[in-house]
Amino acid sequence: VAANLVMANLSGHDSHGVQLLPTYVGRVQRGDIVPGAPYEVLDDTPTTARVDGHWNFGQVVSERAMTLAIEKAQAGNVAAIHVVRQAPGGRGVPVPGRGGARRGRHDKPPDCPG
């Protein structure tokens, strides 16, 4: 989460950067974000899955969902993952070795515009 916040600032997206830290702390204190909450695969097929983030940080849940999508796409040439109950994930900043940056290291799935 911290790396994503810092990378948002370094990428010029300050609104999704470290200034969100007090907001995140407040959400954790209220129970709106549950750090360390389990990541649960609810439904699973060779090319799709539905996962429940149990209100963990969106950055954490999304990274795990991206890993699952890449594995399924490599095996089945296509993948779709539906995520439920995750807290907001910020900008989704590509952090080396994490999240969005990983898409570029694989032939599939291709990078999506935007």
C-alpha atoms as a PDB file:
ATOM      1  CA  VAL A   1       0.000   0.000   0.000  1.00  0.00           C
ATOM      2  CA  ALA A   2       2.775   2.407   0.945  1.00  0.00           C
ATOM      3  CA  ALA A   3       4.676   1.769  -2.291  1.00  0.00           C
ATOM      4  CA  ASN A   4       1.539   2.463  -4.322  1.00  0.00           C
ATOM      5  CA  LEU A   5       0.908   5.736  -2.473  1.00  0.00           C
ATOM      6  CA  VAL A   6       4.494   6.904  -2.992  1.00  0.00           C
ATOM      7  CA  MET A   7       4.474   5.880  -6.664  1.00  0.00           C
ATOM      8  CA  ALA A   8       1.261   7.859  -7.191  1.00  0.00           C
ATOM      9  CA  ASN A   9       3.034  10.965  -5.918  1.00  0.00           C
ATOM     10  CA  LEU A  10       6.141  10.273  -7.990  1.00  0.00           C
ATOM     11  CA  SER A  11       3.912   9.821 -11.054  1.00  0.00           C
ATOM     12  CA  GLY A  12       2.300  13.221 -10.498  1.00  0.00           C
ATOM     13  CA  HIS A  13      -1.004  11.892  -9.170  1.00  0.00           C
ATOM     14  CA  ASP A  14      -0.822  13.517  -5.747  1.00  0.00           C
ATOM     15  CA  SER A  15      -4.555  13.101  -5.149  1.00  0.00           C
ATOM     16  CA  HIS A  16      -3.962   9.337  -4.961  1.00  0.00           C
ATOM     17  CA  GLY A  17      -0.674   9.554  -3.061  1.00  0.00           C
ATOM     18  CA  VAL A  18       0.526   9.814   0.504  1.00  0.00           C
ATOM     19  CA  GLN A  19      -2.050  12.490   1.290  1.00  0.00           C
ATOM     20  CA  LEU A  20      -4.529   9.588   1.519  1.00  0.00           C
ATOM     21  CA  LEU A  21      -2.710   8.126   4.512  1.00  0.00           C
ATOM     22  CA  PRO A  22      -4.817   9.972   7.144  1.00  0.00           C
ATOM     23  CA  THR A  23      -7.973   8.907   5.262  1.00  0.00           C
ATOM     24  CA  TYR A  24      -6.814   5.291   5.226  1.00  0.00           C
ATOM     25  CA  VAL A  25      -5.975   5.417   8.949  1.00  0.00           C
ATOM     26  CA  GLY A  26      -9.453   6.748   9.704  1.00  0.00           C
ATOM     27  CA  ARG A  27     -11.078   4.048   7.578  1.00  0.00           C
ATOM     28  CA  VAL A  28      -9.078   1.363   9.347  1.00  0.00           C
ATOM     29  CA  GLN A  29     -10.066   2.765  12.742  1.00  0.00           C
ATOM     30  CA  ARG A  30     -13.762   2.756  11.717  1.00  0.00           C
ATOM     31  CA  GLY A  31     -13.501  -0.780  10.348  1.00  0.00           C
ATOM     32  CA  ASP A  32     -14.156   0.266   6.740  1.00  0.00           C
ATOM     33  CA  ILE A  33     -10.768  -1.186   5.744  1.00  0.00           C
ATOM     34  CA  VAL A  34      -9.632  -4.454   7.329  1.00  0.00           C
ATOM     35  CA  PRO A  35      -5.851  -4.844   6.952  1.00  0.00           C
ATOM     36  CA  GLY A  36      -4.833  -8.472   6.693  1.00  0.00           C
ATOM     37  CA  ALA A  37      -8.354  -9.627   5.871  1.00  0.00           C
ATOM     38  CA  PRO A  38      -8.456 -12.951   4.027  1.00  0.00           C
ATOM     39  CA  TYR A  39      -8.510 -13.247   0.264  1.00  0.00           C
ATOM     40  CA  GLU A  40     -11.072 -15.872  -0.653  1.00  0.00           C
ATOM     41  CA  VAL A  41     -11.787 -17.453  -4.036  1.00  0.00           C
ATOM     42  CA  LEU A  42     -15.565 -17.920  -4.071  1.00  0.00           C
ATOM     43  CA  ASP A  43     -15.989 -19.369  -7.567  1.00  0.00           C
ATOM     44  CA  ASP A  44     -13.279 -20.776  -9.794  1.00  0.00           C
ATOM     45  CA  THR A  45     -13.123 -22.052 -13.370  1.00  0.00           C
ATOM     46  CA  PRO A  46     -10.097 -22.557 -15.632  1.00  0.00           C
ATOM     47  CA  THR A  47     -10.452 -18.996 -17.000  1.00  0.00           C
ATOM     48  CA  THR A  48     -12.547 -17.090 -14.439  1.00  0.00           C
ATOM     49  CA  ALA A  49     -12.865 -16.516 -10.742  1.00  0.00           C
ATOM     50  CA  ARG A  50     -14.867 -14.484  -8.276  1.00  0.00           C
ATOM     51  CA  VAL A  51     -12.894 -13.429  -5.222  1.00  0.00           C
ATOM     52  CA  ASP A  52     -13.827 -11.757  -1.960  1.00  0.00           C
ATOM     53  CA  GLY A  53     -11.343  -9.307  -0.467  1.00  0.00           C
ATOM     54  CA  HIS A  54     -13.213  -9.068   2.858  1.00  0.00           C
ATOM     55  CA  TRP A  55     -12.576  -5.268   2.827  1.00  0.00           C
ATOM     56  CA  ASN A  56      -8.792  -5.499   2.759  1.00  0.00           C
ATOM     57  CA  PHE A  57      -6.904  -2.679   1.032  1.00  0.00           C
ATOM     58  CA  GLY A  58      -7.738  -2.555  -2.661  1.00  0.00           C
ATOM     59  CA  GLN A  59      -4.050  -2.460  -3.533  1.00  0.00           C
ATOM     60  CA  VAL A  60      -3.510  -5.781  -1.742  1.00  0.00           C
ATOM     61  CA  VAL A  61      -6.604  -7.516  -3.089  1.00  0.00           C
ATOM     62  CA  SER A  62      -6.060  -6.249  -6.638  1.00  0.00           C
ATOM     63  CA  GLU A  63      -2.464  -7.463  -6.704  1.00  0.00           C
ATOM     64  CA  ARG A  64      -3.554 -10.962  -5.723  1.00  0.00           C
ATOM     65  CA  ALA A  65      -6.382 -10.878  -8.269  1.00  0.00           C
ATOM     66  CA  MET A  66      -3.923  -9.764 -10.970  1.00  0.00           C
ATOM     67  CA  THR A  67      -1.635 -12.681 -10.106  1.00  0.00           C
ATOM     68  CA  LEU A  68      -4.567 -15.065 -10.414  1.00  0.00           C
ATOM     69  CA  ALA A  69      -5.618 -13.494 -13.736  1.00  0.00           C
ATOM     70  CA  ILE A  70      -2.105 -13.834 -15.164  1.00  0.00           C
ATOM     71  CA  GLU A  71      -1.899 -17.501 -14.120  1.00  0.00           C
ATOM     72  CA  LYS A  72      -5.280 -18.265 -15.678  1.00  0.00           C
ATOM     73  CA  ALA A  73      -4.474 -16.343 -18.875  1.00  0.00           C
ATOM     74  CA  GLN A  74      -1.172 -18.164 -19.280  1.00  0.00           C
ATOM     75  CA  ALA A  75      -2.957 -21.503 -18.955  1.00  0.00           C
ATOM     76  CA  GLY A  76      -6.141 -20.687 -20.895  1.00  0.00           C
ATOM     77  CA  ASN A  77      -5.276 -17.742 -23.170  1.00  0.00           C
ATOM     78  CA  VAL A  78      -7.919 -15.563 -21.495  1.00  0.00           C
ATOM     79  CA  ALA A  79      -8.983 -14.706 -17.951  1.00  0.00           C
ATOM     80  CA  ALA A  80     -11.542 -12.659 -16.077  1.00  0.00           C
ATOM     81  CA  ILE A  81     -11.537 -12.063 -12.339  1.00  0.00           C
ATOM     82  CA  HIS A  82     -14.446 -10.432 -10.505  1.00  0.00           C
ATOM     83  CA  VAL A  83     -13.520  -8.904  -7.147  1.00  0.00           C
ATOM     84  CA  VAL A  84     -16.087  -8.164  -4.438  1.00  0.00           C
ATOM     85  CA  ARG A  85     -15.742  -6.414  -1.086  1.00  0.00           C
ATOM     86  CA  GLN A  86     -12.418  -4.655  -1.372  1.00  0.00           C
ATOM     87  CA  ALA A  87     -11.579  -1.197  -0.094  1.00  0.00           C
ATOM     88  CA  PRO A  88     -10.620   1.470  -2.655  1.00  0.00           C
ATOM     89  CA  GLY A  89      -7.327   0.716  -4.354  1.00  0.00           C
ATOM     90  CA  GLY A  90      -5.974   4.151  -5.167  1.00  0.00           C
ATOM     91  CA  ARG A  91      -4.556   4.810  -8.597  1.00  0.00           C
ATOM     92  CA  GLY A  92      -3.366   1.271  -9.252  1.00  0.00           C
ATOM     93  CA  VAL A  93       0.113   2.627  -9.814  1.00  0.00           C
ATOM     94  CA  PRO A  94       2.539   0.255 -11.518  1.00  0.00           C
ATOM     95  CA  VAL A  95       5.098  -0.633  -8.868  1.00  0.00           C
ATOM     96  CA  PRO A  96       7.993  -2.764 -10.103  1.00  0.00           C
ATOM     97  CA  GLY A  97       7.137  -6.379  -9.372  1.00  0.00           C
ATOM     98  CA  ARG A  98       3.594  -5.525  -8.322  1.00  0.00           C
ATOM     99  CA  GLY A  99       0.153  -4.886  -9.764  1.00  0.00           C
ATOM    100  CA  GLY A 100      -0.065  -3.030 -13.060  1.00  0.00           C
ATOM    101  CA  ALA A 101       3.638  -3.211 -13.843  1.00  0.00           C
ATOM    102  CA  ARG A 102       3.382  -6.982 -14.017  1.00  0.00           C
ATOM    103  CA  ARG A 103       1.050  -6.858 -16.999  1.00  0.00           C
ATOM    104  CA  GLY A 104       3.868  -5.588 -19.184  1.00  0.00           C
ATOM    105  CA  ARG A 105       6.081  -8.577 -18.380  1.00  0.00           C
ATOM    106  CA  HIS A 106       3.701 -11.109 -19.899  1.00  0.00           C
ATOM    107  CA  ASP A 107       2.538 -11.793 -23.416  1.00  0.00           C
ATOM    108  CA  LYS A 108      -0.962 -12.288 -21.955  1.00  0.00           C
ATOM    109  CA  PRO A 109      -3.007 -10.528 -20.866  1.00  0.00           C
ATOM    110  CA  PRO A 110      -2.100  -7.523 -23.051  1.00  0.00           C
ATOM    111  CA  ASP A 111      -1.901  -4.059 -21.564  1.00  0.00           C
ATOM    112  CA  CYS A 112      -5.197  -2.258 -21.656  1.00  0.00           C
ATOM    113  CA  PRO A 113      -5.365   1.415 -22.621  1.00  0.00           C
ATOM    114  CA  GLY A 114      -6.135   3.863 -19.835  1.00  0.00           C
END
